[in-house]
Amino acid sequence: MIIPSFPELKQFYKDKKYIGLSNENFCAGTENDITPYVVSHYLTSKKLKPKEALEILTPFIENYSKTEDETALSIWAIIIILDIVENEELRKKCVEIIKVAESNNWHPNFFKMRDEMYSLEYLGFKVNGLRELIKNEEIR
């Protein structure tokens, strides 16, 4: 899969093209082929800052519907930004998305969310929110 360049994502962010974009259209990449996966990709490659990813994904998270596309395309970004979300309602939605991903195996490792935690920690991310969910046995 060829994904848009980082400058294209930065322009999408700068122009706030994510505002008013339906989740269906976001997942389909109707705006410059930018999808939640593109946000996750540049976030995990440490080109996009977590606060920028949070800003882009906030409308998406607020309008989340439990679909495989919405979940699988965004899960790593959701896990990473969980630790910086200050709004309690938004935080609850992030936790909901993580639980949906875990219960339906809609995440990259298709086995346990613990493996997602290890993968993201290997990439240098502290995922304390996910670690806490696992520790409290809210997810496996």
Protein backbone atom coordinates (compact mmCIF):
# COMPACT_ATOMS: atom_id res chain seq x y z
CA MET A 1 0.00 0.00 0.00
CA ILE A 2 1.29 3.43 -0.92
CA ILE A 3 0.43 6.03 1.67
CA PRO A 4 0.44 9.81 1.35
CA SER A 5 3.66 11.61 2.21
CA PHE A 6 4.21 13.27 5.56
CA PRO A 7 4.01 16.77 4.00
CA GLU A 8 0.58 15.80 2.64
CA LEU A 9 -0.53 14.77 6.14
CA LYS A 10 0.85 18.02 7.61
CA GLN A 11 -1.12 20.01 5.02
CA PHE A 12 -4.26 18.00 5.91
CA TYR A 13 -3.60 18.91 9.56
CA LYS A 14 -2.78 22.56 8.85
CA ASP A 15 -5.92 22.99 6.71
CA LYS A 16 -7.99 21.17 9.38
CA LYS A 17 -9.53 18.97 6.71
CA TYR A 18 -10.45 16.44 9.40
CA ILE A 19 -13.13 18.80 10.73
CA GLY A 20 -16.52 17.84 9.35
CA LEU A 21 -15.13 14.72 7.70
CA SER A 22 -17.35 11.71 8.35
CA ASN A 23 -15.68 8.62 9.74
CA GLU A 24 -16.72 6.69 6.64
CA ASN A 25 -15.05 9.26 4.36
CA PHE A 26 -11.99 9.47 6.63
CA CYS A 27 -11.54 5.69 6.50
CA ALA A 28 -12.03 5.76 2.73
CA GLY A 29 -9.36 8.46 2.35
CA THR A 30 -11.60 10.89 0.46
CA GLU A 31 -9.40 13.83 1.49
CA ASN A 32 -5.98 13.34 -0.18
CA ASP A 33 -6.01 9.60 0.68
CA ILE A 34 -5.46 10.45 4.36
CA THR A 35 -6.96 7.79 6.65
CA PRO A 36 -6.66 7.02 10.37
CA TYR A 37 -4.01 4.47 9.35
CA VAL A 38 -1.89 7.25 7.82
CA VAL A 39 -2.13 9.17 11.10
CA SER A 40 -1.11 6.01 13.01
CA HIS A 41 1.75 5.34 10.60
CA TYR A 42 3.34 8.77 10.99
CA LEU A 43 2.65 8.78 14.73
CA THR A 44 4.43 5.44 15.24
CA SER A 45 7.30 6.58 13.02
CA LYS A 46 7.54 9.62 15.34
CA LYS A 47 7.08 12.18 12.60
CA LEU A 48 3.64 13.22 13.87
CA LYS A 49 3.36 14.36 17.49
CA PRO A 50 0.79 12.68 19.76
CA LYS A 51 -0.96 16.03 20.34
CA GLU A 52 -1.32 16.53 16.58
CA ALA A 53 -2.69 13.01 16.19
CA LEU A 54 -5.12 13.67 19.03
CA GLU A 55 -6.33 16.84 17.35
CA ILE A 56 -6.84 15.07 14.01
CA LEU A 57 -8.53 12.05 15.57
CA THR A 58 -10.79 13.81 18.11
CA PRO A 59 -13.79 14.19 15.74
CA PHE A 60 -13.22 10.62 14.54
CA ILE A 61 -13.20 9.28 18.11
CA GLU A 62 -16.27 11.32 19.08
CA ASN A 63 -18.21 9.85 16.13
CA TYR A 64 -16.80 6.32 16.43
CA SER A 65 -19.05 3.47 15.40
CA LYS A 66 -18.04 -0.08 16.12
CA THR A 67 -16.78 -1.13 12.70
CA GLU A 68 -13.72 -3.11 11.80
CA ASP A 69 -12.40 -0.36 9.51
CA GLU A 70 -12.72 2.40 12.08
CA THR A 71 -11.15 0.23 14.76
CA ALA A 72 -8.32 -1.47 12.90
CA LEU A 73 -7.20 1.67 11.06
CA SER A 74 -6.85 3.71 14.23
CA ILE A 75 -6.03 1.34 17.10
CA TRP A 76 -2.31 2.07 17.53
CA ALA A 77 -2.89 5.82 17.45
CA ILE A 78 -5.77 5.43 19.95
CA ILE A 79 -3.55 3.43 22.31
CA ILE A 80 -0.75 6.02 22.12
CA ILE A 81 -2.94 9.09 22.57
CA LEU A 82 -4.90 7.51 25.45
CA ASP A 83 -2.16 8.72 27.80
CA ILE A 84 -2.52 12.37 26.79
CA VAL A 85 -6.31 12.66 26.54
CA GLU A 86 -7.52 15.09 29.21
CA ASN A 87 -11.24 15.15 28.35
CA GLU A 88 -12.89 12.35 30.35
CA GLU A 89 -15.59 11.60 27.75
CA LEU A 90 -12.98 11.35 25.01
CA ARG A 91 -10.85 9.12 27.22
CA LYS A 92 -13.83 6.80 27.78
CA LYS A 93 -14.35 6.59 24.00
CA CYS A 94 -10.68 5.67 23.52
CA VAL A 95 -11.01 2.91 26.13
CA GLU A 96 -14.19 1.73 24.39
CA ILE A 97 -12.34 1.52 21.05
CA ILE A 98 -9.52 -0.46 22.66
CA LYS A 99 -12.02 -2.87 24.23
CA VAL A 100 -13.86 -3.29 20.92
CA ALA A 101 -10.54 -3.98 19.17
CA GLU A 102 -9.64 -6.58 21.78
CA SER A 103 -13.00 -8.36 21.86
CA ASN A 104 -13.24 -8.60 18.05
CA ASN A 105 -9.52 -9.10 17.30
CA TRP A 106 -9.56 -5.94 15.20
CA HIS A 107 -5.92 -5.06 15.86
CA PRO A 108 -2.62 -5.86 14.13
CA ASN A 109 -1.53 -8.81 16.28
CA PHE A 110 -4.95 -10.54 16.23
CA PHE A 111 -4.21 -12.32 19.49
CA LYS A 112 -3.80 -10.28 22.65
CA MET A 113 -3.64 -6.57 23.30
CA ARG A 114 -0.61 -7.32 25.43
CA ASP A 115 1.23 -7.95 22.16
CA GLU A 116 0.18 -4.50 20.92
CA MET A 117 1.61 -3.05 24.13
CA TYR A 118 4.93 -4.84 23.58
CA SER A 119 5.07 -3.73 19.93
CA LEU A 120 4.46 -0.08 20.80
CA GLU A 121 6.92 -0.19 23.71
CA TYR A 122 9.51 -1.67 21.35
CA LEU A 123 8.92 1.37 19.12
CA GLY A 124 9.67 3.60 22.12
CA PHE A 125 6.17 4.54 23.29
CA LYS A 126 5.02 4.50 26.88
CA VAL A 127 1.50 3.12 26.78
CA ASN A 128 0.55 3.41 30.43
CA GLY A 129 -3.18 3.59 29.71
CA LEU A 130 -3.12 0.26 27.89
CA ARG A 131 -0.86 -1.25 30.54
CA GLU A 132 -3.36 -0.18 33.20
CA LEU A 133 -6.28 -1.75 31.31
CA ILE A 134 -4.36 -5.02 31.08
CA LYS A 135 -3.25 -4.84 34.73
CA ASN A 136 -6.85 -4.26 35.86
CA GLU A 137 -7.92 -7.18 33.65
CA GLU A 138 -10.29 -5.01 31.65
CA ILE A 139 -8.64 -6.47 28.55
CA ARG A 140 -6.19 -9.29 27.86
